[in-house]
Amino acid sequence: MIFSRHRIVIIIHILLIAATTLAFFWTYSQEYMLITSSSLIILWVLQIIYLIWYLQKINRDLLKFITALRYDDVSISFNKEKKVDKSFGNLYKELNNIIHEISEIRSEKESEHQYFQNVVKHIGIGIIAFDDTGKIEILNNSALQLLNLNKINNISEVDKTLQGLSKNFKELKPGTTKLKKLVIKNEIVQLSIKAVNLKIKNRNIKLLSIQNIKPEIDHSEVDAWQKLIRVLTHEIMNSVSPIKLLSGSLVNMFEEDNRIKTIDKLDNTTIENSVLGLKTIRKRSAGLSKFVETYKSITQIPKPKFTEFRICQLFDHIKTLLKDDLDKKKIELTSYCEPSDIILKADEKLIEQVLINLIKNSSESLSSTNTPIIRIRALMANNQVQVKVSDNGPGISPEVLENIFIPFFTTKEKGSGIGLSLSRQIMYLHGGNITVKSESTIETVFTLQF
């Protein structure tokens, strides 16, 4: 609308100049109109000058407006108080409206930025962001407190807290969690560090979140110890109580009035009962000894020997190894990898032990399932390898799910209760973890994450 009006004004000026030119040539041919011709020349020159001024003024104002936008200057205004022609007045009005709207947007963005800065500053989780050169982009108070620092400008300065910590920060892969134990002001803190990579204006930024999880770990450890002690007490008492009762009975067989019986008072029945009691004690003692050996197996897992291998080849080996047993139970075992050439860096024998244990657990749970199926899958997620073992069995109840990784906890009549706890230990030694999800009568999935 505004530029249409300016186009009309320019066209009118051009038409007036043309009309003046025609009038000049007409008057010039009339001898008695020399003065009029001179006046038309002056008028023609003035019209040209005014048109040039008009166009230059528009250009100057538009250039001033564009320059202000370029340098983010919203303090300018266009002839609010000066008396100008209507066309310029409308143009200035629209330019001023645009500047006002930009100012409002800028103010809103500034408020959002301040809000974000305050959230980052006061949030309880430490936040650090730095670029490829190590220059700090974002740093909040929580991060400084967790690292016991006053101020830092480069990520390398965190080495004041712990030598080599900056290297750990730089090498931390996105989507992974690293645990780091530090001593801050004579107090042990357990930091959980997570990383995310961002790209802003062709600049690579690494954003770290840092949290002291020691209180949560301490609470979990106490809870785990209490559960473990309950299980250990149950198992030990199952063996110790019969031994105590049988040994007391045997003492009574050979004592009378706190004195040992003479041989003539012993008969074959007493001797037979004594032998039977001793055999029972030996059996229970052997069970207790086996229980202790089993406990040792959890605490003495060999250190992993890391090698690179194709996870799908391991799947094929396990399928061959368990084929006969699964065929007898009419269980279908399927496997696939996405992508097919996933390479895993781990101890192949220990990971094989974990997978075989999970598959055997699944096969035992499928005894009453029609068309039982076990699936083992490997996939890449957030630059991490995930291995999933799933079955279509009855599922695991929430009560059992809560205690499933506790050593010696088992719902099987002849189970030892160490398979899953052993698997968790092996995954811990690999720097990974094992989790489980179960939906009743639909699917149970164990996930190994490396």
Protein backbone atom coordinates (compact mmCIF):
# COMPACT_ATOMS: atom_id res chain seq x y z
CA MET A 1 0.00 0.00 0.00
CA ILE A 2 2.73 2.47 1.03
CA PHE A 3 5.03 1.62 -1.86
CA SER A 4 2.09 1.79 -4.28
CA ARG A 5 1.47 5.34 -3.09
CA HIS A 6 5.16 6.21 -3.64
CA ARG A 7 5.00 4.67 -7.12
CA ILE A 8 1.98 6.88 -7.91
CA VAL A 9 3.83 9.97 -6.58
CA ILE A 10 6.87 9.18 -8.74
CA ILE A 11 4.67 8.62 -11.83
CA ILE A 12 2.91 11.98 -11.21
CA HIS A 13 6.31 13.71 -10.92
CA ILE A 14 7.47 12.13 -14.18
CA LEU A 15 4.25 13.15 -15.92
CA LEU A 16 4.61 16.71 -14.62
CA ILE A 17 8.19 16.85 -15.91
CA ALA A 18 7.01 15.54 -19.29
CA ALA A 19 4.17 18.07 -19.36
CA THR A 20 6.57 20.90 -18.45
CA THR A 21 8.92 19.79 -21.24
CA LEU A 22 6.09 19.80 -23.81
CA ALA A 23 4.90 23.19 -22.56
CA PHE A 24 8.45 24.56 -22.88
CA PHE A 25 8.78 23.48 -26.53
CA TRP A 26 5.32 24.95 -27.33
CA THR A 27 6.08 28.32 -25.70
CA TYR A 28 9.55 28.39 -27.24
CA SER A 29 7.98 28.38 -30.72
CA GLN A 30 5.92 31.45 -29.77
CA GLU A 31 8.02 34.62 -29.98
CA TYR A 32 5.89 36.56 -27.54
CA MET A 33 6.29 33.84 -24.78
CA LEU A 34 10.05 33.99 -24.11
CA ILE A 35 9.53 34.89 -20.45
CA THR A 36 7.10 31.99 -20.03
CA SER A 37 9.68 29.65 -21.62
CA SER A 38 12.32 30.81 -19.17
CA SER A 39 9.95 30.18 -16.29
CA LEU A 40 9.18 26.68 -17.55
CA ILE A 41 12.93 25.88 -17.73
CA ILE A 42 13.31 26.93 -14.11
CA LEU A 43 10.21 24.89 -13.19
CA TRP A 44 11.56 21.87 -15.13
CA VAL A 45 14.94 22.02 -13.31
CA LEU A 46 13.21 22.37 -9.95
CA GLN A 47 10.99 19.34 -10.70
CA ILE A 48 14.08 17.24 -11.64
CA ILE A 49 15.87 18.33 -8.47
CA TYR A 50 12.79 17.53 -6.34
CA LEU A 51 12.38 14.07 -7.94
CA ILE A 52 16.06 13.27 -7.30
CA TRP A 53 15.72 14.51 -3.71
CA TYR A 54 12.56 12.44 -3.27
CA LEU A 55 14.18 9.23 -4.49
CA GLN A 56 17.37 9.82 -2.50
CA LYS A 57 15.37 10.51 0.67
CA ILE A 58 13.56 7.17 0.31
CA ASN A 59 16.88 5.42 -0.29
CA ARG A 60 18.51 7.15 2.67
CA ASP A 61 15.68 6.28 5.04
CA LEU A 62 15.52 2.66 3.85
CA LEU A 63 19.32 2.37 4.14
CA LYS A 64 19.12 3.83 7.64
CA PHE A 65 16.40 1.31 8.51
CA ILE A 66 18.32 -1.70 7.09
CA THR A 67 21.55 -0.61 8.80
CA ALA A 68 19.70 -0.34 12.11
CA LEU A 69 18.36 -3.89 11.63
CA ARG A 70 21.83 -5.15 10.78
CA TYR A 71 23.35 -3.74 13.96
CA ASP A 72 20.30 -4.57 16.08
CA ASP A 73 19.63 -0.89 16.81
CA VAL A 74 16.01 -0.35 17.82
CA SER A 75 16.54 3.14 19.23
CA ILE A 76 16.04 4.95 15.92
CA SER A 77 12.80 6.59 14.79
CA PHE A 78 11.64 8.28 11.61
CA ASN A 79 10.33 11.88 11.70
CA LYS A 80 7.71 11.46 14.37
CA GLU A 81 7.32 15.17 14.96
CA LYS A 82 8.39 16.72 11.65
CA LYS A 83 5.72 17.77 9.18
CA VAL A 84 6.15 15.65 6.07
CA ASP A 85 3.95 14.82 3.13
CA LYS A 86 1.36 12.15 3.57
CA SER A 87 3.26 9.47 1.61
CA PHE A 88 6.37 9.88 3.75
CA GLY A 89 4.28 10.02 6.89
CA ASN A 90 2.72 6.63 6.20
CA LEU A 91 6.12 5.14 5.30
CA TYR A 92 7.68 6.43 8.51
CA LYS A 93 4.73 5.18 10.49
CA GLU A 94 5.19 1.63 9.11
CA LEU A 95 8.96 1.72 9.64
CA ASN A 96 8.43 2.85 13.23
CA ASN A 97 5.87 0.05 13.73
CA ILE A 98 8.36 -2.52 12.45
CA ILE A 99 11.08 -1.18 14.77
CA HIS A 100 8.63 -1.27 17.67
CA GLU A 101 7.73 -4.89 16.93
CA ILE A 102 11.41 -5.83 16.65
CA SER A 103 12.01 -4.08 19.97
CA GLU A 104 9.18 -6.07 21.56
CA ILE A 105 10.55 -9.37 20.19
CA ARG A 106 14.05 -8.43 21.36
CA SER A 107 12.73 -7.59 24.81
CA GLU A 108 10.85 -10.90 24.95
CA LYS A 109 13.94 -12.83 23.87
CA GLU A 110 16.01 -10.97 26.44
CA SER A 111 13.50 -11.92 29.15
CA GLU A 112 13.61 -15.57 28.03
CA HIS A 113 17.41 -15.43 28.07
CA GLN A 114 17.42 -13.98 31.57
CA TYR A 115 14.95 -16.65 32.67
CA PHE A 116 17.15 -19.37 31.17
CA GLN A 117 20.26 -17.88 32.81
CA ASN A 118 18.57 -17.80 36.21
CA VAL A 119 17.33 -21.39 35.85
CA VAL A 120 20.80 -22.62 34.87
CA LYS A 121 22.42 -20.56 37.62
CA HIS A 122 20.22 -21.81 40.45
CA ILE A 123 19.43 -25.37 39.37
CA GLY A 124 20.76 -28.04 41.71
CA ILE A 125 22.50 -29.96 38.91
CA GLY A 126 25.90 -28.73 37.70
CA ILE A 127 25.93 -27.49 34.09
CA ILE A 128 29.09 -26.92 32.03
CA ALA A 129 29.24 -26.15 28.29
CA PHE A 130 32.48 -25.67 26.36
CA ASP A 131 33.62 -25.52 22.73
CA ASP A 132 36.35 -27.40 20.86
CA THR A 133 39.04 -25.10 22.27
CA GLY A 134 37.84 -25.70 25.83
CA LYS A 135 36.39 -22.20 26.23
CA ILE A 136 33.59 -22.17 28.80
CA GLU A 137 30.25 -21.10 27.33
CA ILE A 138 27.93 -21.92 30.25
CA LEU A 139 28.84 -22.55 33.87
CA ASN A 140 26.53 -22.48 36.88
CA ASN A 141 27.10 -22.24 40.63
CA SER A 142 26.28 -25.90 41.27
CA ALA A 143 29.08 -27.03 38.94
CA LEU A 144 31.57 -24.76 40.70
CA GLN A 145 30.49 -26.05 44.11
CA LEU A 146 30.64 -29.72 43.04
CA LEU A 147 34.15 -29.22 41.63
CA ASN A 148 35.27 -26.95 44.50
CA LEU A 149 36.24 -24.11 42.15
CA ASN A 150 35.70 -20.35 42.27
CA LYS A 151 35.76 -19.48 38.59
CA ILE A 152 37.09 -21.04 35.39
CA ASN A 153 37.39 -19.79 31.81
CA ASN A 154 38.65 -22.98 30.19
CA ILE A 155 37.70 -26.60 30.80
CA SER A 156 41.37 -27.49 31.40
CA GLU A 157 41.16 -25.60 34.71
CA VAL A 158 39.03 -28.38 36.26
CA ASP A 159 42.32 -30.29 36.59
CA LYS A 160 42.85 -28.19 39.73
CA THR A 161 40.23 -30.43 41.34
CA LEU A 162 41.52 -33.73 39.91
CA GLN A 163 44.36 -34.21 37.45
CA GLY A 164 43.08 -35.54 34.14
CA LEU A 165 39.43 -34.61 34.82
CA SER A 166 39.30 -32.25 31.82
CA LYS A 167 40.42 -35.11 29.54
CA ASN A 168 37.58 -37.25 30.92
CA PHE A 169 35.12 -34.43 30.20
CA LYS A 170 36.36 -33.98 26.61
CA GLU A 171 36.36 -37.71 25.81
CA LEU A 172 32.96 -38.47 27.35
CA LYS A 173 30.68 -39.81 24.61
CA PRO A 174 27.18 -38.37 24.15
CA GLY A 175 24.45 -40.39 25.83
CA THR A 176 26.86 -42.13 28.21
CA THR A 177 27.16 -41.68 31.97
CA LYS A 178 30.50 -41.62 33.74
CA LEU A 179 30.90 -41.98 37.48
CA LYS A 180 33.78 -40.13 39.11
CA LYS A 181 34.72 -40.25 42.77
CA LEU A 182 36.29 -37.09 44.21
CA VAL A 183 37.36 -35.88 47.63
CA ILE A 184 36.03 -32.34 48.14
CA LYS A 185 36.76 -30.58 51.44
CA ASN A 186 37.63 -33.92 53.09
CA GLU A 187 34.31 -35.36 51.95
CA ILE A 188 33.85 -38.07 49.32
CA VAL A 189 31.46 -37.18 46.48
CA GLN A 190 30.33 -39.49 43.70
CA LEU A 191 29.73 -37.51 40.53
CA SER A 192 27.45 -38.74 37.77
CA ILE A 193 28.47 -36.99 34.53
CA LYS A 194 26.42 -37.02 31.32
CA ALA A 195 27.28 -35.41 27.98
CA VAL A 196 25.36 -34.00 25.02
CA ASN A 197 26.90 -32.61 21.82
CA LEU A 198 25.36 -29.48 20.28
CA LYS A 199 26.12 -27.51 17.12
CA ILE A 200 25.48 -23.76 17.24
CA LYS A 201 26.45 -21.58 14.27
CA ASN A 202 28.96 -24.17 12.99
CA ARG A 203 30.52 -24.40 16.46
CA ASN A 204 30.66 -27.71 18.31
CA ILE A 205 29.56 -27.37 21.93
CA LYS A 206 29.71 -30.12 24.54
CA LEU A 207 27.16 -29.77 27.35
CA LEU A 208 27.81 -31.66 30.59
CA SER A 209 25.44 -32.26 33.48
CA ILE A 210 27.09 -33.10 36.81
CA GLN A 211 25.30 -34.44 39.87
CA ASN A 212 26.47 -35.76 43.21
CA ILE A 213 24.67 -39.09 43.56
CA LYS A 214 26.50 -40.30 46.66
CA PRO A 215 23.48 -39.78 48.99
CA GLU A 216 21.32 -41.86 46.63
CA ILE A 217 24.06 -44.49 46.31
CA ASP A 218 24.48 -44.65 50.09
CA HIS A 219 20.76 -45.11 50.52
CA SER A 220 20.66 -47.80 47.83
CA GLU A 221 23.68 -49.56 49.34
CA VAL A 222 22.06 -49.67 52.77
CA ASP A 223 18.87 -51.00 51.24
CA ALA A 224 20.81 -53.59 49.19
CA TRP A 225 22.81 -54.70 52.21
CA GLN A 226 19.65 -55.13 54.25
CA LYS A 227 18.09 -57.26 51.51
CA LEU A 228 21.29 -59.28 51.10
CA ILE A 229 21.59 -59.86 54.83
CA ARG A 230 17.99 -61.10 54.95
CA VAL A 231 18.68 -63.57 52.15
CA LEU A 232 22.00 -64.69 53.68
CA THR A 233 20.37 -65.12 57.09
CA HIS A 234 17.61 -67.19 55.54
CA GLU A 235 20.03 -69.46 53.65
CA ILE A 236 22.46 -69.87 56.54
CA MET A 237 19.71 -70.55 59.08
CA ASN A 238 18.25 -73.22 56.75
CA SER A 239 21.50 -75.13 57.17
CA VAL A 240 22.51 -74.18 60.70
CA SER A 241 19.18 -74.88 62.41
CA PRO A 242 19.02 -78.62 61.43
CA ILE A 243 22.68 -79.03 62.37
CA LYS A 244 22.05 -77.49 65.77
CA LEU A 245 18.97 -79.65 66.41
CA LEU A 246 20.62 -82.87 65.20
CA SER A 247 23.81 -82.28 67.15
CA GLY A 248 21.72 -81.70 70.31
CA SER A 249 19.81 -84.94 69.69
CA LEU A 250 23.09 -86.83 69.20
CA VAL A 251 24.45 -85.45 72.46
CA ASN A 252 21.30 -86.61 74.26
CA MET A 253 21.73 -90.11 72.80
CA PHE A 254 25.16 -90.45 74.38
CA GLU A 255 24.62 -88.55 77.61
CA GLU A 256 22.51 -89.19 80.69
CA ASP A 257 22.37 -86.86 83.66
CA ASN A 258 25.21 -84.88 82.05
CA ARG A 259 27.38 -87.99 82.02
CA ILE A 260 28.45 -90.07 79.03
CA LYS A 261 26.61 -93.37 78.79
CA THR A 262 28.55 -96.58 79.16
CA ILE A 263 28.80 -99.00 76.21
CA ASP A 264 26.41 -101.48 77.75
CA LYS A 265 23.69 -98.82 77.62
CA LEU A 266 24.08 -98.28 73.88
CA ASP A 267 22.10 -100.38 71.43
CA ASN A 268 22.03 -100.75 67.64
CA THR A 269 19.09 -98.35 67.31
CA THR A 270 21.06 -95.58 69.03
CA ILE A 271 24.06 -96.22 66.79
CA GLU A 272 21.91 -96.28 63.61
CA ASN A 273 20.18 -93.03 64.59
CA SER A 274 23.55 -91.49 65.35
CA VAL A 275 24.93 -92.44 61.93
CA LEU A 276 21.79 -91.12 60.24
CA GLY A 277 22.09 -87.85 62.17
CA LEU A 278 25.78 -87.49 61.28
CA LYS A 279 25.01 -88.11 57.61
CA THR A 280 22.35 -85.38 57.73
CA ILE A 281 24.80 -83.00 59.40
CA ARG A 282 27.39 -83.81 56.72
CA LYS A 283 24.83 -83.16 53.97
CA ARG A 284 23.75 -79.83 55.47
CA SER A 285 27.40 -78.87 56.05
CA ALA A 286 28.17 -79.65 52.41
CA GLY A 287 25.22 -77.47 51.36
CA LEU A 288 26.49 -74.64 53.53
CA SER A 289 30.00 -75.06 52.10
CA LYS A 290 28.59 -74.95 48.57
CA PHE A 291 26.66 -71.82 49.48
CA VAL A 292 29.90 -70.13 50.64
CA GLU A 293 31.66 -71.21 47.42
CA THR A 294 28.81 -69.73 45.43
CA TYR A 295 29.19 -66.48 47.36
CA LYS A 296 32.90 -66.45 46.51
CA SER A 297 32.09 -66.81 42.81
CA ILE A 298 30.25 -63.49 42.92
CA THR A 299 33.07 -61.62 44.62
CA GLN A 300 35.90 -63.17 42.60
CA ILE A 301 34.87 -62.58 38.98
CA PRO A 302 37.99 -62.50 36.77
CA LYS A 303 39.02 -59.15 35.31
CA PRO A 304 37.61 -58.82 31.78
CA LYS A 305 40.00 -59.33 28.86
CA PHE A 306 38.72 -56.90 26.27
CA THR A 307 38.76 -57.90 22.60
CA GLU A 308 36.73 -56.83 19.58
CA PHE A 309 34.28 -59.34 18.11
CA ARG A 310 31.13 -59.42 16.00
CA ILE A 311 28.14 -59.75 18.28
CA CYS A 312 26.13 -61.64 15.63
CA GLN A 313 28.80 -64.34 15.45
CA LEU A 314 28.48 -64.77 19.23
CA PHE A 315 24.70 -65.13 18.80
CA ASP A 316 25.21 -67.87 16.23
CA HIS A 317 27.62 -69.70 18.54
CA ILE A 318 25.15 -69.55 21.45
CA LYS A 319 22.29 -70.79 19.25
CA THR A 320 24.39 -73.80 18.22
CA LEU A 321 25.39 -74.43 21.83
CA LEU A 322 21.82 -74.40 23.19
CA LYS A 323 20.03 -75.86 20.17
CA ASP A 324 19.50 -79.41 21.53
CA ASP A 325 18.22 -78.26 24.92
CA LEU A 326 15.82 -75.70 23.39
CA ASP A 327 14.60 -78.16 20.74
CA LYS A 328 13.64 -80.59 23.51
CA LYS A 329 11.54 -77.88 25.11
CA LYS A 330 10.16 -76.84 21.67
CA ILE A 331 11.41 -73.27 22.15
CA GLU A 332 12.25 -71.13 19.12
CA LEU A 333 15.39 -68.99 19.49
CA THR A 334 15.81 -66.12 16.99
CA SER A 335 18.50 -63.49 16.65
CA TYR A 336 19.34 -60.44 14.57
CA CYS A 337 21.66 -57.42 14.60
CA GLU A 338 21.03 -53.90 13.32
CA PRO A 339 23.42 -53.15 11.68
CA SER A 340 24.58 -56.68 10.92
CA ASP A 341 28.27 -55.92 11.48
CA ILE A 342 28.07 -54.52 15.02
CA ILE A 343 31.45 -54.80 16.73
CA LEU A 344 31.51 -55.13 20.52
CA LYS A 345 34.61 -54.49 22.61
CA ALA A 346 34.28 -56.72 25.68
CA ASP A 347 35.30 -60.04 27.22
CA GLU A 348 33.61 -62.47 24.84
CA LYS A 349 33.57 -65.38 27.31
CA LEU A 350 32.01 -63.35 30.12
CA ILE A 351 29.36 -61.84 27.82
CA GLU A 352 28.61 -65.32 26.49
CA GLN A 353 28.12 -66.47 30.10
CA VAL A 354 25.66 -63.63 30.73
CA LEU A 355 23.64 -64.34 27.56
CA ILE A 356 23.51 -68.10 28.20
CA ASN A 357 22.28 -67.45 31.74
CA LEU A 358 19.55 -65.08 30.51
CA ILE A 359 18.42 -67.50 27.78
CA LYS A 360 18.28 -70.40 30.25
CA ASN A 361 16.24 -68.30 32.67
CA SER A 362 13.84 -67.45 29.82
CA SER A 363 13.56 -71.10 28.77
CA GLU A 364 12.63 -72.12 32.33
CA SER A 365 9.90 -69.46 32.45
CA LEU A 366 8.37 -70.69 29.17
CA SER A 367 7.43 -74.16 30.40
CA SER A 368 3.69 -73.38 30.33
CA THR A 369 3.65 -71.02 27.31
CA ASN A 370 2.17 -71.96 23.95
CA THR A 371 4.54 -71.34 20.99
CA PRO A 372 7.42 -70.18 23.25
CA ILE A 373 9.89 -67.79 21.61
CA ILE A 374 13.16 -66.28 22.83
CA ARG A 375 14.68 -63.38 20.89
CA ILE A 376 18.21 -62.02 21.16
CA ARG A 377 18.86 -58.71 19.42
CA ALA A 378 21.77 -56.27 19.09
CA LEU A 379 21.33 -52.65 18.02
CA MET A 380 22.99 -49.25 18.19
CA ALA A 381 21.35 -46.52 20.27
CA ASN A 382 22.99 -43.17 21.12
CA ASN A 383 26.38 -44.50 19.99
CA GLN A 384 26.03 -47.40 22.42
CA VAL A 385 25.58 -51.11 21.82
CA GLN A 386 22.43 -52.60 23.31
CA VAL A 387 21.82 -56.35 23.53
CA LYS A 388 18.27 -57.44 24.35
CA VAL A 389 17.08 -60.89 25.44
CA SER A 390 13.28 -61.19 25.42
CA ASP A 391 10.68 -63.94 25.78
CA ASN A 392 6.90 -64.24 25.56
CA GLY A 393 6.53 -65.96 28.91
CA PRO A 394 4.22 -65.17 31.84
CA GLY A 395 6.34 -62.21 32.93
CA ILE A 396 7.82 -61.25 36.30
CA SER A 397 5.71 -59.83 39.11
CA PRO A 398 6.63 -56.37 40.47
CA GLU A 399 7.52 -57.89 43.87
CA VAL A 400 10.02 -60.30 42.29
CA LEU A 401 11.25 -57.66 39.82
CA GLU A 402 12.35 -55.46 42.72
CA ASN A 403 14.62 -58.15 44.17
CA ILE A 404 15.66 -59.98 41.03
CA PHE A 405 19.33 -58.85 41.05
CA ILE A 406 19.91 -59.47 44.78
CA PRO A 407 22.43 -62.29 45.33
CA PHE A 408 20.85 -65.63 46.39
CA PHE A 409 17.32 -64.34 45.81
CA THR A 410 15.44 -66.94 43.76
CA THR A 411 11.92 -68.18 43.12
CA LYS A 412 13.15 -71.52 41.78
CA GLU A 413 13.06 -74.61 43.96
CA LYS A 414 16.61 -75.60 43.03
CA GLY A 415 17.94 -72.18 42.01
CA SER A 416 21.07 -70.66 43.51
CA GLY A 417 19.97 -67.04 43.03
CA ILE A 418 23.36 -65.87 41.74
CA GLY A 419 22.88 -65.92 37.96
CA LEU A 420 21.42 -62.43 37.57
CA SER A 421 23.56 -60.86 40.29
CA LEU A 422 26.62 -62.41 38.60
CA SER A 423 25.45 -60.98 35.27
CA ARG A 424 25.11 -57.53 36.80
CA GLN A 425 28.62 -57.78 38.25
CA ILE A 426 30.02 -58.75 34.85
CA MET A 427 28.26 -55.80 33.18
CA TYR A 428 29.54 -53.48 35.90
CA LEU A 429 33.12 -54.64 35.18
CA HIS A 430 32.49 -53.75 31.53
CA GLY A 431 31.36 -50.23 32.45
CA GLY A 432 27.81 -51.05 31.38
CA ASN A 433 24.57 -52.09 33.03
CA ILE A 434 21.73 -54.58 32.82
CA THR A 435 18.06 -53.67 33.18
CA VAL A 436 14.78 -55.56 32.94
CA LYS A 437 11.22 -54.71 31.89
CA SER A 438 8.34 -57.13 32.15
CA GLU A 439 4.73 -56.99 31.02
CA SER A 440 2.58 -59.83 32.33
CA THR A 441 1.76 -62.54 29.75
CA ILE A 442 3.22 -60.38 26.96
CA GLU A 443 6.98 -59.93 27.16
CA THR A 444 9.98 -59.81 29.48
CA VAL A 445 13.08 -58.00 28.18
CA PHE A 446 16.58 -57.94 29.69
CA THR A 447 18.77 -55.20 28.19
CA LEU A 448 22.55 -55.15 28.30
CA GLN A 449 23.95 -51.69 27.59
CA PHE A 450 27.65 -51.18 26.81
